[in-house]
Structure formats: structure tokens, C-alpha cells
Amino acid sequence: MKIYNKPYKIYTKYTKYKQKTFVISGGNDSSRALQLFYEMLANLPKNEQRQSYAIVSNTLVEAPNINDFLLKIIKAIIHTQKSIKFPLRLYK
């Protein structure tokens, strides 16, 4: 499965199931999944967005650049939350 198919697959699952959504991130692959989820949520119309949650942690297994990447995503999400009341809460 190619990476360009992932946002659409995330979108179809997100809109199909109406329960709360949780994303867990801590490593290379899950950090990319969090980024894709964030981008999908940011591109949805407000009426399709619902409260979602992300649990993030440093597994201490990945290279330092992955940790920097994860911190960059976290800062972007926090900034977006404050500026437009984005419906994604982070827990570390």
C-alpha cells in the first residue's frame, strides 16, 4: 500500500465510525500516522470534525531526529489548538 492512499483510508475510517478517536504515537511509524491524522483532521470541514485524542511518548528507541520530528508535530498541534480550537488533544 502506497503512502498517498493513507490519508483517504484514515478519512474513510474516521467518517464511518462515530466514536472517539485515539492516536498513539511514540516511534517513527506512529509519528507519521499522527501527522497523517492531523492533516486529515485539519482539512475536514468544521461540521465533520469531532474531538480526538493523541497519546505521545518517546520510546527512546528511535534516532534523535525522530524525536525532534515528533516534537515539531506536537508544537504544531498545540499551536493550532490554541488558535482555532482544533479538536485534537495531546497527552504525553
N, C-alpha and C. Protein backbone atom coordinates (compact mmCIF):
# COMPACT_ATOMS: atom_id res chain seq x y z
N MET A 1 0.84 -1.18 0.00
CA MET A 1 0.00 0.00 0.00
C MET A 1 0.89 1.24 0.00
N LYS A 2 0.64 2.14 -0.88
CA LYS A 2 1.44 3.36 -1.01
C LYS A 2 0.99 4.39 0.02
N ILE A 3 1.93 5.27 0.39
CA ILE A 3 1.65 6.29 1.42
C ILE A 3 0.56 7.27 0.97
N TYR A 4 0.45 7.54 -0.34
CA TYR A 4 -0.54 8.51 -0.79
C TYR A 4 -1.97 8.00 -0.61
N ASN A 5 -2.17 6.72 -0.39
CA ASN A 5 -3.50 6.18 -0.13
C ASN A 5 -3.91 6.33 1.34
N LYS A 6 -2.95 6.53 2.21
CA LYS A 6 -3.21 6.54 3.65
C LYS A 6 -4.18 7.63 4.09
N PRO A 7 -4.01 8.90 3.67
CA PRO A 7 -4.97 9.92 4.15
C PRO A 7 -6.41 9.58 3.80
N TYR A 8 -6.66 9.05 2.63
CA TYR A 8 -8.03 8.69 2.25
C TYR A 8 -8.54 7.55 3.12
N LYS A 9 -7.70 6.57 3.40
CA LYS A 9 -8.12 5.46 4.25
C LYS A 9 -8.41 5.93 5.67
N ILE A 10 -7.59 6.84 6.18
CA ILE A 10 -7.84 7.41 7.51
C ILE A 10 -9.16 8.15 7.50
N TYR A 11 -9.40 8.94 6.45
CA TYR A 11 -10.65 9.71 6.33
C TYR A 11 -11.86 8.79 6.30
N THR A 12 -11.81 7.71 5.53
CA THR A 12 -12.98 6.83 5.43
C THR A 12 -13.28 6.15 6.75
N LYS A 13 -12.23 5.74 7.48
CA LYS A 13 -12.46 5.13 8.80
C LYS A 13 -12.99 6.16 9.79
N TYR A 14 -12.43 7.36 9.76
CA TYR A 14 -12.83 8.42 10.68
C TYR A 14 -14.29 8.80 10.49
N THR A 15 -14.74 8.91 9.25
CA THR A 15 -16.12 9.31 8.99
C THR A 15 -17.10 8.15 9.13
N LYS A 16 -16.62 6.92 8.98
CA LYS A 16 -17.51 5.76 9.09
C LYS A 16 -17.89 5.48 10.53
N TYR A 17 -16.92 5.56 11.43
CA TYR A 17 -17.15 5.25 12.84
C TYR A 17 -17.27 6.55 13.62
N LYS A 18 -18.29 6.68 14.42
CA LYS A 18 -18.58 7.95 15.09
C LYS A 18 -18.05 8.03 16.52
N GLN A 19 -17.39 7.00 17.01
CA GLN A 19 -16.88 7.06 18.38
C GLN A 19 -15.62 7.92 18.45
N LYS A 20 -15.17 8.16 19.67
CA LYS A 20 -13.96 8.97 19.86
C LYS A 20 -12.77 8.28 19.20
N THR A 21 -11.85 9.08 18.71
CA THR A 21 -10.69 8.56 18.01
C THR A 21 -9.44 8.81 18.83
N PHE A 22 -8.63 7.76 18.98
CA PHE A 22 -7.37 7.86 19.69
C PHE A 22 -6.23 7.51 18.75
N VAL A 23 -5.17 8.29 18.82
CA VAL A 23 -3.96 8.02 18.05
C VAL A 23 -2.83 7.88 19.05
N ILE A 24 -2.04 6.83 18.94
CA ILE A 24 -0.91 6.63 19.84
C ILE A 24 0.36 6.80 19.03
N SER A 25 1.27 7.63 19.54
CA SER A 25 2.49 7.92 18.81
C SER A 25 3.69 7.85 19.73
N GLY A 26 4.77 7.30 19.22
CA GLY A 26 5.98 7.24 20.02
C GLY A 26 7.20 6.87 19.21
N GLY A 27 7.00 6.36 18.04
CA GLY A 27 8.12 5.96 17.20
C GLY A 27 7.99 6.53 15.81
N ASN A 28 8.80 6.03 14.93
CA ASN A 28 8.87 6.52 13.56
C ASN A 28 7.54 6.35 12.82
N ASP A 29 7.03 5.13 12.76
CA ASP A 29 5.81 4.85 12.01
C ASP A 29 4.59 5.53 12.63
N SER A 30 4.48 5.44 13.95
CA SER A 30 3.31 6.03 14.60
C SER A 30 3.35 7.56 14.56
N SER A 31 4.55 8.14 14.51
CA SER A 31 4.65 9.60 14.36
C SER A 31 4.13 10.03 13.00
N ARG A 32 4.43 9.24 11.98
CA ARG A 32 3.91 9.53 10.64
C ARG A 32 2.39 9.36 10.62
N ALA A 33 1.89 8.34 11.32
CA ALA A 33 0.44 8.13 11.40
C ALA A 33 -0.23 9.31 12.08
N LEU A 34 0.39 9.83 13.15
CA LEU A 34 -0.16 11.01 13.83
C LEU A 34 -0.17 12.21 12.89
N GLN A 35 0.90 12.39 12.12
CA GLN A 35 0.95 13.51 11.18
C GLN A 35 -0.15 13.38 10.13
N LEU A 36 -0.35 12.18 9.58
CA LEU A 36 -1.41 11.97 8.58
C LEU A 36 -2.79 12.23 9.18
N PHE A 37 -3.00 11.77 10.42
CA PHE A 37 -4.29 12.00 11.07
C PHE A 37 -4.52 13.49 11.30
N TYR A 38 -3.49 14.18 11.76
CA TYR A 38 -3.57 15.63 11.98
C TYR A 38 -3.92 16.36 10.69
N GLU A 39 -3.25 16.01 9.60
CA GLU A 39 -3.51 16.67 8.31
C GLU A 39 -4.93 16.37 7.83
N MET A 40 -5.39 15.12 8.01
CA MET A 40 -6.75 14.78 7.61
C MET A 40 -7.76 15.60 8.41
N LEU A 41 -7.57 15.66 9.73
CA LEU A 41 -8.49 16.39 10.59
C LEU A 41 -8.49 17.88 10.26
N ALA A 42 -7.32 18.42 9.99
CA ALA A 42 -7.21 19.85 9.67
C ALA A 42 -7.91 20.20 8.37
N ASN A 43 -8.02 19.26 7.45
CA ASN A 43 -8.63 19.52 6.15
C ASN A 43 -10.12 19.22 6.11
N LEU A 44 -10.66 18.71 7.19
CA LEU A 44 -12.10 18.44 7.24
C LEU A 44 -12.87 19.73 7.51
N PRO A 45 -14.08 19.83 6.96
CA PRO A 45 -14.94 20.96 7.36
C PRO A 45 -15.24 20.87 8.86
N LYS A 46 -15.46 22.00 9.50
CA LYS A 46 -15.70 22.03 10.95
C LYS A 46 -16.83 21.09 11.37
N ASN A 47 -17.87 21.00 10.56
CA ASN A 47 -19.01 20.16 10.95
C ASN A 47 -18.70 18.66 10.91
N GLU A 48 -17.60 18.26 10.28
CA GLU A 48 -17.20 16.85 10.25
C GLU A 48 -16.14 16.53 11.29
N GLN A 49 -15.55 17.54 11.90
CA GLN A 49 -14.53 17.33 12.91
C GLN A 49 -15.19 16.96 14.24
N ARG A 50 -14.57 16.05 14.96
CA ARG A 50 -15.03 15.73 16.31
C ARG A 50 -13.82 15.55 17.20
N GLN A 51 -14.05 15.65 18.49
CA GLN A 51 -12.95 15.58 19.43
C GLN A 51 -12.18 14.27 19.28
N SER A 52 -10.88 14.38 19.17
CA SER A 52 -10.00 13.23 19.05
C SER A 52 -8.84 13.41 20.02
N TYR A 53 -8.13 12.33 20.27
CA TYR A 53 -7.08 12.35 21.28
C TYR A 53 -5.83 11.67 20.74
N ALA A 54 -4.67 12.15 21.17
CA ALA A 54 -3.40 11.53 20.80
C ALA A 54 -2.57 11.34 22.06
N ILE A 55 -2.03 10.16 22.20
CA ILE A 55 -1.10 9.86 23.29
C ILE A 55 0.27 9.78 22.65
N VAL A 56 1.19 10.62 23.12
CA VAL A 56 2.53 10.64 22.54
C VAL A 56 3.57 10.36 23.62
N SER A 57 4.58 9.63 23.22
CA SER A 57 5.67 9.33 24.17
C SER A 57 6.95 9.10 23.39
N ASN A 58 8.05 9.23 24.07
CA ASN A 58 9.35 8.95 23.49
C ASN A 58 9.74 7.54 23.89
N THR A 59 9.84 6.66 22.92
CA THR A 59 10.17 5.27 23.21
C THR A 59 11.65 5.06 23.49
N LEU A 60 12.45 6.07 23.23
CA LEU A 60 13.90 6.02 23.41
C LEU A 60 14.57 4.96 22.52
N VAL A 61 13.85 4.51 21.51
CA VAL A 61 14.38 3.53 20.57
C VAL A 61 14.76 4.20 19.26
N GLU A 62 14.03 5.25 18.92
CA GLU A 62 14.24 5.93 17.64
C GLU A 62 15.43 6.88 17.70
N ALA A 63 15.91 7.24 16.53
CA ALA A 63 17.01 8.20 16.42
C ALA A 63 16.56 9.58 16.91
N PRO A 64 17.49 10.41 17.35
CA PRO A 64 17.13 11.74 17.86
C PRO A 64 16.34 12.59 16.86
N ASN A 65 16.59 12.43 15.57
CA ASN A 65 15.84 13.22 14.60
C ASN A 65 14.35 12.85 14.59
N ILE A 66 14.00 11.62 14.94
CA ILE A 66 12.60 11.22 15.03
C ILE A 66 11.95 11.91 16.23
N ASN A 67 12.65 11.98 17.33
CA ASN A 67 12.15 12.70 18.49
C ASN A 67 11.92 14.17 18.15
N ASP A 68 12.86 14.78 17.43
CA ASP A 68 12.71 16.18 17.01
C ASP A 68 11.49 16.34 16.11
N PHE A 69 11.28 15.37 15.21
CA PHE A 69 10.13 15.39 14.31
C PHE A 69 8.82 15.32 15.11
N LEU A 70 8.78 14.43 16.09
CA LEU A 70 7.59 14.29 16.93
C LEU A 70 7.32 15.58 17.70
N LEU A 71 8.35 16.18 18.26
CA LEU A 71 8.18 17.44 18.98
C LEU A 71 7.66 18.54 18.07
N LYS A 72 8.11 18.56 16.82
CA LYS A 72 7.64 19.54 15.84
C LYS A 72 6.15 19.37 15.57
N ILE A 73 5.71 18.12 15.43
CA ILE A 73 4.29 17.84 15.22
C ILE A 73 3.48 18.28 16.43
N ILE A 74 3.97 17.95 17.62
CA ILE A 74 3.26 18.31 18.86
C ILE A 74 3.11 19.82 18.97
N LYS A 75 4.18 20.56 18.69
CA LYS A 75 4.11 22.03 18.75
C LYS A 75 3.12 22.57 17.75
N ALA A 76 3.08 22.01 16.55
CA ALA A 76 2.12 22.46 15.53
C ALA A 76 0.68 22.21 15.98
N ILE A 77 0.44 21.05 16.56
CA ILE A 77 -0.91 20.73 17.02
C ILE A 77 -1.32 21.65 18.16
N ILE A 78 -0.43 21.87 19.11
CA ILE A 78 -0.74 22.76 20.24
C ILE A 78 -1.02 24.17 19.75
N HIS A 79 -0.21 24.66 18.81
CA HIS A 79 -0.43 26.00 18.25
C HIS A 79 -1.80 26.07 17.56
N THR A 80 -2.13 25.04 16.81
CA THR A 80 -3.42 25.02 16.11
C THR A 80 -4.57 24.95 17.09
N GLN A 81 -4.41 24.15 18.16
CA GLN A 81 -5.46 24.06 19.18
C GLN A 81 -5.77 25.42 19.76
N LYS A 82 -4.74 26.17 20.08
CA LYS A 82 -4.93 27.47 20.72
C LYS A 82 -5.53 28.49 19.77
N SER A 83 -5.12 28.45 18.51
CA SER A 83 -5.54 29.49 17.57
C SER A 83 -6.95 29.27 17.01
N ILE A 84 -7.33 28.02 16.76
CA ILE A 84 -8.65 27.79 16.14
C ILE A 84 -9.49 26.75 16.87
N LYS A 85 -9.12 26.44 18.10
CA LYS A 85 -9.85 25.43 18.89
C LYS A 85 -9.95 24.10 18.13
N PHE A 86 -8.81 23.63 17.71
CA PHE A 86 -8.69 22.39 16.95
C PHE A 86 -9.08 21.20 17.83
N PRO A 87 -9.89 20.26 17.32
CA PRO A 87 -10.40 19.18 18.18
C PRO A 87 -9.47 17.98 18.33
N LEU A 88 -8.19 18.24 18.63
CA LEU A 88 -7.27 17.14 18.88
C LEU A 88 -6.49 17.46 20.14
N ARG A 89 -6.68 16.66 21.18
CA ARG A 89 -5.98 16.87 22.45
C ARG A 89 -4.80 15.92 22.53
N LEU A 90 -3.71 16.43 23.08
CA LEU A 90 -2.49 15.64 23.22
C LEU A 90 -2.24 15.32 24.68
N TYR A 91 -1.77 14.11 24.90
CA TYR A 91 -1.37 13.68 26.24
C TYR A 91 0.01 13.06 26.12
N LYS A 92 0.93 13.52 27.00
CA LYS A 92 2.28 12.98 26.99
C LYS A 92 2.53 12.19 28.26
